[in-house]
Amino acid sequence: MSAYSHDRRAWLLLATPALAFTCAACASTGATPRPFPTPGGTSAAPASSVARASSNATALDTYALVGTALALRGAPYRNGGADPKGFDCSGFTQYVFAQYGVALPRAVHDQYQSGQSIDPRDLAPGDLVFFTTTDPGVSHVAIAVGGDEFVHAPSSTGVVRVERLGSSYWSPRFVGARRIAPTP
């Protein structure tokens, strides 16, 4: 895919309104993310567009990380899922960050304890955003895309997709955000 097509596709994604839906909490089993490429021998994104962090990196390439997350749009929800055959919310975030050498815990609650807490006004692409959906406290996690959008594995009736933080469903359920640094 040419750089123009990739940029145009990203722009169209940002211009597309998000759909409203209901959401169930994520499972937090002990599943381990599987490496790229996806099952069937093909990558979810062209190798040239998926930059990976090296083990001695001092900064996480959040542009590439968000690109990887967006390339997984359409992957089905699967309770306990942590690979492109199916994701739950924390399996999705764990898998995406693992592609850049960053180990996240498996459970949503544990991911909420990771990294650095950030003010929502300072939210940047690649930050984790957390919500309360079915239980008091943190029960859902997603990856900030930029602007008012995030990408996530929403529920048993959904697929990985982009939503708006300011929507009438997500806004009152927002709990906080965390910035994750690369693993040294």
Foldseek 3Di string as FASTA:
>chain_A
DDPVVVVVVVVVQVVDADDDDAFDFAAQDQDAADEDDAPPPHRLDPPVLQDAADQPDFFFPLLNLLVSLVSLWPQADDRVDQGSVHHTFLSSLQNSVVRRQAHAHRAQVRNVVAAAFDDPVPDDFQKKWFFDHPDPDTGGIFTAHDDQKTWGNGHNPHTTGMHGCPDPRNVVGTDGIHHHTHND
